[in-house]
Protein backbone atom coordinates (compact mmCIF):
# COMPACT_ATOMS: atom_id res chain seq x y z
CA ARG A 1 0.00 0.00 0.00
CA ASP A 2 2.80 2.41 0.86
CA LEU A 3 4.52 1.83 -2.49
CA ARG A 4 1.23 2.34 -4.32
CA ASN A 5 0.56 5.58 -2.42
CA GLU A 6 4.09 6.81 -3.08
CA ALA A 7 3.61 6.26 -6.81
CA SER A 8 0.28 8.09 -6.86
CA SER A 9 1.68 10.97 -4.81
CA ALA A 10 4.52 11.44 -7.28
CA LEU A 11 2.03 11.84 -10.13
CA THR A 12 -0.24 14.17 -8.18
CA LYS A 13 2.71 16.37 -7.25
CA VAL A 14 3.65 16.86 -10.92
CA VAL A 15 0.07 17.46 -12.05
CA ARG A 16 -0.63 20.01 -9.30
CA ASP A 17 2.62 21.95 -9.73
CA PRO A 18 1.44 25.50 -10.55
CA ASN A 19 4.70 26.25 -12.34
CA LEU A 20 4.12 23.64 -15.02
CA TYR A 21 1.81 23.97 -17.98
CA GLY A 22 0.72 21.51 -20.65
CA GLU A 23 2.44 18.18 -21.06
CA GLU A 24 5.72 19.18 -19.39
CA GLY A 25 6.74 16.32 -17.18
CA ILE A 26 3.27 14.77 -17.11
CA GLU A 27 4.04 11.96 -19.56
CA GLU A 28 7.19 11.05 -17.66
CA ALA A 29 5.33 11.19 -14.34
CA VAL A 30 2.54 8.96 -15.65
CA GLU A 31 5.04 6.39 -16.94
CA ARG A 32 7.07 6.46 -13.73
CA THR A 33 3.92 6.16 -11.60
CA LEU A 34 2.56 3.23 -13.59
CA GLN A 35 5.93 1.44 -13.32
CA MET A 36 6.10 2.01 -9.56
CA ARG A 37 2.52 0.82 -9.11
CA GLU A 38 3.18 -2.27 -11.22
CA ARG A 39 6.14 -3.22 -9.04
CA ALA A 40 4.11 -2.66 -5.86
CA TYR A 41 1.12 -4.63 -7.09
CA ARG A 42 3.25 -7.47 -8.48
CA GLU A 43 4.79 -7.76 -5.02
CA ALA A 44 1.30 -7.82 -3.45
CA ILE A 45 0.13 -10.48 -5.93
CA SER A 46 3.19 -12.54 -5.09
CA LEU A 47 2.40 -12.32 -1.37
CA ILE A 48 -1.25 -13.20 -2.03
CA ASN A 49 -0.24 -16.26 -4.04
CA ALA A 50 2.18 -17.32 -1.32
CA SER A 51 -0.55 -16.89 1.31
CA LYS A 52 -2.96 -19.00 -0.71
CA ALA A 53 -0.29 -21.66 -1.26
CA ALA A 54 0.30 -21.71 2.52
CA GLY A 55 -3.38 -22.50 3.06
CA LEU A 56 -5.08 -19.13 3.60
CA ASP A 57 -8.50 -19.10 1.99
CA GLU A 58 -9.55 -16.25 -0.29
CA GLU A 59 -11.86 -14.72 2.32
CA LYS A 60 -9.02 -14.38 4.83
CA VAL A 61 -6.74 -12.91 2.16
CA PHE A 62 -9.53 -10.47 1.24
CA LEU A 63 -9.88 -9.39 4.89
CA GLU A 64 -6.10 -9.03 5.29
CA LEU A 65 -5.99 -6.80 2.21
CA LYS A 66 -8.85 -4.75 3.62
CA GLY A 67 -7.02 -4.40 6.92
CA ALA A 68 -3.91 -3.28 5.05
CA GLY A 69 -5.86 -0.40 3.53
CA PHE A 70 -6.60 -1.73 0.05
CA GLY A 71 -9.93 -0.56 -1.34
CA LYS A 72 -12.67 -2.81 -2.67
CA VAL A 73 -11.68 -2.41 -6.33
CA ASP A 74 -8.00 -3.07 -5.61
CA ARG A 75 -8.85 -6.18 -3.58
CA ALA A 76 -11.00 -7.59 -6.36
CA PHE A 77 -8.25 -7.10 -8.95
CA LEU A 78 -5.51 -8.43 -6.70
CA LEU A 79 -7.43 -11.60 -5.85
CA LYS A 80 -7.68 -12.26 -9.60
CA GLY A 81 -3.91 -11.71 -9.92
CA GLN A 82 -4.43 -8.47 -11.84
CA ILE A 83 -3.04 -4.97 -11.39
CA PRO A 84 -5.81 -2.47 -10.66
CA PRO A 85 -6.10 0.58 -12.91
CA LEU A 86 -4.90 3.93 -11.63
CA LEU A 87 -7.98 6.07 -11.11
CA LEU A 88 -7.98 9.73 -10.20
CA GLY A 89 -10.74 10.64 -7.76
CA LYS A 90 -13.39 12.97 -9.17
CA TYR A 91 -13.75 14.78 -5.85
CA SER A 92 -10.02 15.08 -5.38
CA ILE A 93 -9.72 16.68 -8.83
CA ARG A 94 -12.63 19.01 -8.09
CA ASN A 95 -11.16 20.05 -4.73
CA SER A 96 -7.76 20.70 -6.33
CA LEU A 97 -9.37 22.89 -8.96
CA ILE A 98 -11.39 24.84 -6.40
CA THR A 99 -8.29 25.39 -4.27
CA ALA A 100 -6.27 26.47 -7.31
CA LEU A 101 -9.01 28.91 -8.29
CA ARG A 102 -9.09 30.45 -4.80
CA VAL A 103 -5.35 30.54 -4.21
CA LEU A 104 -3.79 30.91 -7.67
CA GLY A 105 -6.55 32.48 -9.73
CA PRO A 106 -8.52 31.47 -12.81
CA VAL A 107 -5.59 31.21 -15.24
CA LYS A 108 -3.64 28.74 -13.10
CA ALA A 109 -6.84 26.84 -12.24
CA GLN A 110 -7.56 26.47 -15.97
CA GLN A 111 -3.99 25.26 -16.56
CA LEU A 112 -4.45 22.71 -13.76
CA ALA A 113 -7.71 21.50 -15.34
CA GLU A 114 -5.88 21.06 -18.64
CA ARG A 115 -3.08 19.11 -16.91
CA TYR A 116 -5.65 16.82 -15.29
CA GLN A 117 -7.26 16.25 -18.70
CA ILE A 118 -3.87 15.41 -20.23
CA THR A 119 -3.17 13.04 -17.33
CA LEU A 120 -6.52 11.26 -17.68
CA GLU A 121 -5.95 10.83 -21.43
CA MET A 122 -2.44 9.44 -20.86
CA LEU A 123 -3.70 7.04 -18.19
CA GLU A 124 -6.46 5.86 -20.50
CA SER A 125 -4.06 5.15 -23.36
CA SER A 126 -1.39 3.63 -21.09
CA GLN A 127 -3.78 1.30 -19.30
CA GLU A 128 -5.64 0.20 -22.45
CA PHE A 129 -9.18 0.91 -21.29
CA GLU A 130 -11.36 3.92 -20.59
CA ILE A 131 -10.50 5.75 -17.40
CA LYS A 132 -13.05 7.98 -15.75
CA PRO A 133 -12.43 9.86 -12.53
CA ALA A 134 -13.34 7.62 -9.60
CA GLU A 135 -16.42 8.50 -7.59
């Protein structure tokens, strides 16, 4: 979970940087984040498989993942041996835009909105399915 959060934080930091505009650094941040997340989730899948091989049933693994802070969607993917998609929270994006508007003004808030759009498009193409902001 910590590795996953670290990866997501690195992307968010680049996207929210008020000194950047357009695609500067976003593509690199998306790629780096997806690579970090893949390593973290592959490690989690490995641990899940080892737990199952040691006799833990899927329900106990599910509860352990829940206790470790993995959300429902992540748990479902991990139990199938799959890496969950990276989703950006709709409310998190909205709150970032509102804060940018209040603190940095409309021009920077618009630039931030454009960076989020670029990020969502890159995530969609990198993860090979449609990405919508998470509820």
